[in-house]
Amino acid sequence: MATIDGRPAQYGITLKQLRELMEHRGREGVGKISGHGGVQEICKKLYTSPSD
């Protein structure tokens, strides 16, 4: 797998999926986030922290 600065060159979630997540609010948004494994899992896929 190709890496950039020691991290994989590709993220575990696509730009299309992120855009779709951002279109939803309220309970529907929570459901969509849960469908992706929750905030922690999305952050892992994006190689970031939920608090930084």
PDB file of N, CA and C in Angstrom:
ATOM      1  N   MET A   1       0.842  -1.176   0.000  1.00  0.00           N
ATOM      2  CA  MET A   1       0.000   0.000   0.000  1.00  0.00           C
ATOM      3  C   MET A   1       0.890   1.243   0.000  1.00  0.00           C
ATOM      4  N   ALA A   2       0.548   2.204  -0.814  1.00  0.00           N
ATOM      5  CA  ALA A   2       1.300   3.452  -0.874  1.00  0.00           C
ATOM      6  C   ALA A   2       1.057   4.265   0.397  1.00  0.00           C
ATOM      7  N   THR A   3       2.087   4.977   0.835  1.00  0.00           N
ATOM      8  CA  THR A   3       1.947   5.800   2.035  1.00  0.00           C
ATOM      9  C   THR A   3       2.435   7.218   1.778  1.00  0.00           C
ATOM     10  N   ILE A   4       1.918   8.130   2.570  1.00  0.00           N
ATOM     11  CA  ILE A   4       2.348   9.524   2.566  1.00  0.00           C
ATOM     12  C   ILE A   4       2.596   9.888   4.017  1.00  0.00           C
ATOM     13  N   ASP A   5       3.822  10.285   4.344  1.00  0.00           N
ATOM     14  CA  ASP A   5       4.190  10.614   5.728  1.00  0.00           C
ATOM     15  C   ASP A   5       3.832   9.499   6.698  1.00  0.00           C
ATOM     16  N   GLY A   6       3.996   8.251   6.271  1.00  0.00           N
ATOM     17  CA  GLY A   6       3.746   7.105   7.128  1.00  0.00           C
ATOM     18  C   GLY A   6       2.292   6.683   7.235  1.00  0.00           C
ATOM     19  N   ARG A   7       1.406   7.383   6.561  1.00  0.00           N
ATOM     20  CA  ARG A   7      -0.020   7.041   6.584  1.00  0.00           C
ATOM     21  C   ARG A   7      -0.436   6.516   5.215  1.00  0.00           C
ATOM     22  N   PRO A   8      -1.434   5.656   5.178  1.00  0.00           N
ATOM     23  CA  PRO A   8      -1.914   5.168   3.875  1.00  0.00           C
ATOM     24  C   PRO A   8      -2.360   6.332   2.991  1.00  0.00           C
ATOM     25  N   ALA A   9      -2.111   6.216   1.692  1.00  0.00           N
ATOM     26  CA  ALA A   9      -2.441   7.286   0.750  1.00  0.00           C
ATOM     27  C   ALA A   9      -3.947   7.444   0.557  1.00  0.00           C
ATOM     28  N   GLN A  10      -4.718   6.421   0.873  1.00  0.00           N
ATOM     29  CA  GLN A  10      -6.167   6.502   0.719  1.00  0.00           C
ATOM     30  C   GLN A  10      -6.848   6.396   2.075  1.00  0.00           C
ATOM     31  N   TYR A  11      -7.959   7.089   2.204  1.00  0.00           N
ATOM     32  CA  TYR A  11      -8.733   7.038   3.437  1.00  0.00           C
ATOM     33  C   TYR A  11      -9.745   5.904   3.374  1.00  0.00           C
ATOM     34  N   GLY A  12     -10.276   5.523   4.516  1.00  0.00           N
ATOM     35  CA  GLY A  12     -11.226   4.422   4.584  1.00  0.00           C
ATOM     36  C   GLY A  12     -12.658   4.827   4.289  1.00  0.00           C
ATOM     37  N   ILE A  13     -12.864   6.069   3.895  1.00  0.00           N
ATOM     38  CA  ILE A  13     -14.197   6.568   3.554  1.00  0.00           C
ATOM     39  C   ILE A  13     -14.042   7.498   2.355  1.00  0.00           C
ATOM     40  N   THR A  14     -14.976   7.422   1.437  1.00  0.00           N
ATOM     41  CA  THR A  14     -14.848   8.216   0.213  1.00  0.00           C
ATOM     42  C   THR A  14     -15.398   9.627   0.399  1.00  0.00           C
ATOM     43  N   LEU A  15     -14.996  10.506  -0.488  1.00  0.00           N
ATOM     44  CA  LEU A  15     -15.505  11.872  -0.473  1.00  0.00           C
ATOM     45  C   LEU A  15     -17.018  11.877  -0.679  1.00  0.00           C
ATOM     46  N   LYS A  16     -17.498  11.012  -1.535  1.00  0.00           N
ATOM     47  CA  LYS A  16     -18.942  10.909  -1.779  1.00  0.00           C
ATOM     48  C   LYS A  16     -19.677  10.530  -0.492  1.00  0.00           C
ATOM     49  N   GLN A  17     -19.127   9.573   0.258  1.00  0.00           N
ATOM     50  CA  GLN A  17     -19.754   9.157   1.513  1.00  0.00           C
ATOM     51  C   GLN A  17     -19.771  10.309   2.522  1.00  0.00           C
ATOM     52  N   LEU A  18     -18.681  11.072   2.597  1.00  0.00           N
ATOM     53  CA  LEU A  18     -18.634  12.215   3.514  1.00  0.00           C
ATOM     54  C   LEU A  18     -19.664  13.265   3.122  1.00  0.00           C
ATOM     55  N   ARG A  19     -19.774  13.536   1.839  1.00  0.00           N
ATOM     56  CA  ARG A  19     -20.764  14.516   1.376  1.00  0.00           C
ATOM     57  C   ARG A  19     -22.177  14.071   1.726  1.00  0.00           C
ATOM     58  N   GLU A  20     -22.451  12.782   1.548  1.00  0.00           N
ATOM     59  CA  GLU A  20     -23.775  12.257   1.889  1.00  0.00           C
ATOM     60  C   GLU A  20     -24.048  12.384   3.388  1.00  0.00           C
ATOM     61  N   LEU A  21     -23.034  12.127   4.211  1.00  0.00           N
ATOM     62  CA  LEU A  21     -23.202  12.277   5.662  1.00  0.00           C
ATOM     63  C   LEU A  21     -23.549  13.713   6.029  1.00  0.00           C
ATOM     64  N   MET A  22     -22.901  14.671   5.392  1.00  0.00           N
ATOM     65  CA  MET A  22     -23.106  16.084   5.723  1.00  0.00           C
ATOM     66  C   MET A  22     -24.466  16.612   5.287  1.00  0.00           C
ATOM     67  N   GLU A  23     -25.165  15.887   4.435  1.00  0.00           N
ATOM     68  CA  GLU A  23     -26.486  16.318   3.981  1.00  0.00           C
ATOM     69  C   GLU A  23     -27.579  16.035   5.008  1.00  0.00           C
ATOM     70  N   HIS A  24     -27.302  15.223   6.001  1.00  0.00           N
ATOM     71  CA  HIS A  24     -28.322  14.786   6.952  1.00  0.00           C
ATOM     72  C   HIS A  24     -28.150  15.471   8.301  1.00  0.00           C
ATOM     73  N   ARG A  25     -29.274  15.741   8.945  1.00  0.00           N
ATOM     74  CA  ARG A  25     -29.292  16.401  10.252  1.00  0.00           C
ATOM     75  C   ARG A  25     -30.174  15.602  11.207  1.00  0.00           C
ATOM     76  N   GLY A  26     -30.067  15.916  12.476  1.00  0.00           N
ATOM     77  CA  GLY A  26     -30.940  15.320  13.489  1.00  0.00           C
ATOM     78  C   GLY A  26     -30.818  13.811  13.575  1.00  0.00           C
ATOM     79  N   ARG A  27     -31.939  13.172  13.818  1.00  0.00           N
ATOM     80  CA  ARG A  27     -31.953  11.709  13.986  1.00  0.00           C
ATOM     81  C   ARG A  27     -31.468  10.993  12.736  1.00  0.00           C
ATOM     82  N   GLU A  28     -31.818  11.542  11.583  1.00  0.00           N
ATOM     83  CA  GLU A  28     -31.377  10.922  10.332  1.00  0.00           C
ATOM     84  C   GLU A  28     -29.847  10.962  10.235  1.00  0.00           C
ATOM     85  N   GLY A  29     -29.254  12.087  10.628  1.00  0.00           N
ATOM     86  CA  GLY A  29     -27.799  12.211  10.619  1.00  0.00           C
ATOM     87  C   GLY A  29     -27.136  11.248  11.586  1.00  0.00           C
ATOM     88  N   VAL A  30     -27.722  11.127  12.768  1.00  0.00           N
ATOM     89  CA  VAL A  30     -27.190  10.190  13.764  1.00  0.00           C
ATOM     90  C   VAL A  30     -27.242   8.766  13.220  1.00  0.00           C
ATOM     91  N   GLY A  31     -28.332   8.436  12.553  1.00  0.00           N
ATOM     92  CA  GLY A  31     -28.464   7.104  11.960  1.00  0.00           C
ATOM     93  C   GLY A  31     -27.411   6.844  10.898  1.00  0.00           C
ATOM     94  N   LYS A  32     -27.149   7.851  10.071  1.00  0.00           N
ATOM     95  CA  LYS A  32     -26.135   7.703   9.017  1.00  0.00           C
ATOM     96  C   LYS A  32     -24.744   7.533   9.626  1.00  0.00           C
ATOM     97  N   ILE A  33     -24.442   8.318  10.656  1.00  0.00           N
ATOM     98  CA  ILE A  33     -23.146   8.206  11.331  1.00  0.00           C
ATOM     99  C   ILE A  33     -23.013   6.829  11.971  1.00  0.00           C
ATOM    100  N   SER A  34     -24.063   6.370  12.611  1.00  0.00           N
ATOM    101  CA  SER A  34     -24.044   5.036  13.217  1.00  0.00           C
ATOM    102  C   SER A  34     -23.833   3.958  12.165  1.00  0.00           C
ATOM    103  N   GLY A  35     -24.400   4.169  10.995  1.00  0.00           N
ATOM    104  CA  GLY A  35     -24.235   3.218   9.898  1.00  0.00           C
ATOM    105  C   GLY A  35     -22.803   3.091   9.416  1.00  0.00           C
ATOM    106  N   HIS A  36     -22.006   4.103   9.715  1.00  0.00           N
ATOM    107  CA  HIS A  36     -20.585   4.076   9.355  1.00  0.00           C
ATOM    108  C   HIS A  36     -19.718   3.659  10.539  1.00  0.00           C
ATOM    109  N   GLY A  37     -20.344   3.205  11.617  1.00  0.00           N
ATOM    110  CA  GLY A  37     -19.592   2.735  12.772  1.00  0.00           C
ATOM    111  C   GLY A  37     -19.442   3.755  13.880  1.00  0.00           C
ATOM    112  N   GLY A  38     -20.052   4.916  13.745  1.00  0.00           N
ATOM    113  CA  GLY A  38     -19.968   5.956  14.763  1.00  0.00           C
ATOM    114  C   GLY A  38     -18.831   6.929  14.508  1.00  0.00           C
ATOM    115  N   VAL A  39     -18.791   7.959  15.335  1.00  0.00           N
ATOM    116  CA  VAL A  39     -17.796   9.024  15.181  1.00  0.00           C
ATOM    117  C   VAL A  39     -16.377   8.480  15.294  1.00  0.00           C
ATOM    118  N   GLN A  40     -16.139   7.627  16.273  1.00  0.00           N
ATOM    119  CA  GLN A  40     -14.792   7.080  16.470  1.00  0.00           C
ATOM    120  C   GLN A  40     -14.303   6.350  15.225  1.00  0.00           C
ATOM    121  N   GLU A  41     -15.166   5.534  14.637  1.00  0.00           N
ATOM    122  CA  GLU A  41     -14.776   4.750  13.461  1.00  0.00           C
ATOM    123  C   GLU A  41     -14.542   5.646  12.252  1.00  0.00           C
ATOM    124  N   ILE A  42     -15.372   6.658  12.075  1.00  0.00           N
ATOM    125  CA  ILE A  42     -15.168   7.597  10.966  1.00  0.00           C
ATOM    126  C   ILE A  42     -13.833   8.312  11.140  1.00  0.00           C
ATOM    127  N   CYS A  43     -13.530   8.729  12.356  1.00  0.00           N
ATOM    128  CA  CYS A  43     -12.255   9.404  12.620  1.00  0.00           C
ATOM    129  C   CYS A  43     -11.072   8.485  12.340  1.00  0.00           C
ATOM    130  N   LYS A  44     -11.182   7.213  12.698  1.00  0.00           N
ATOM    131  CA  LYS A  44     -10.114   6.252  12.391  1.00  0.00           C
ATOM    132  C   LYS A  44      -9.901   6.162  10.888  1.00  0.00           C
ATOM    133  N   LYS A  45     -11.004   6.125  10.133  1.00  0.00           N
ATOM    134  CA  LYS A  45     -10.911   6.020   8.678  1.00  0.00           C
ATOM    135  C   LYS A  45     -10.278   7.264   8.060  1.00  0.00           C
ATOM    136  N   LEU A  46     -10.410   8.406   8.743  1.00  0.00           N
ATOM    137  CA  LEU A  46      -9.851   9.665   8.248  1.00  0.00           C
ATOM    138  C   LEU A  46      -8.498   9.995   8.880  1.00  0.00           C
ATOM    139  N   TYR A  47      -8.014   9.101   9.739  1.00  0.00           N
ATOM    140  CA  TYR A  47      -6.728   9.294  10.420  1.00  0.00           C
ATOM    141  C   TYR A  47      -6.692  10.618  11.178  1.00  0.00           C
ATOM    142  N   THR A  48      -7.745  10.844  11.972  1.00  0.00           N
ATOM    143  CA  THR A  48      -7.824  12.058  12.765  1.00  0.00           C
ATOM    144  C   THR A  48      -8.407  11.738  14.139  1.00  0.00           C
ATOM    145  N   SER A  49      -8.476  12.730  14.982  1.00  0.00           N
ATOM    146  CA  SER A  49      -9.015  12.578  16.326  1.00  0.00           C
ATOM    147  C   SER A  49     -10.370  13.281  16.411  1.00  0.00           C
ATOM    148  N   PRO A  50     -11.329  12.707  17.125  1.00  0.00           N
ATOM    149  CA  PRO A  50     -12.621  13.377  17.264  1.00  0.00           C
ATOM    150  C   PRO A  50     -12.559  14.622  18.146  1.00  0.00           C
ATOM    151  N   SER A  51     -11.468  14.815  18.877  1.00  0.00           N
ATOM    152  CA  SER A  51     -11.378  15.956  19.788  1.00  0.00           C
ATOM    153  C   SER A  51     -10.342  17.001  19.388  1.00  0.00           C
ATOM    154  N   ASP A  52      -9.587  16.769  18.353  1.00  0.00           N
ATOM    155  CA  ASP A  52      -8.575  17.759  17.928  1.00  0.00           C
ATOM    156  C   ASP A  52      -9.024  18.544  16.734  1.00  0.00           C
TER     157      ASP A  52
END
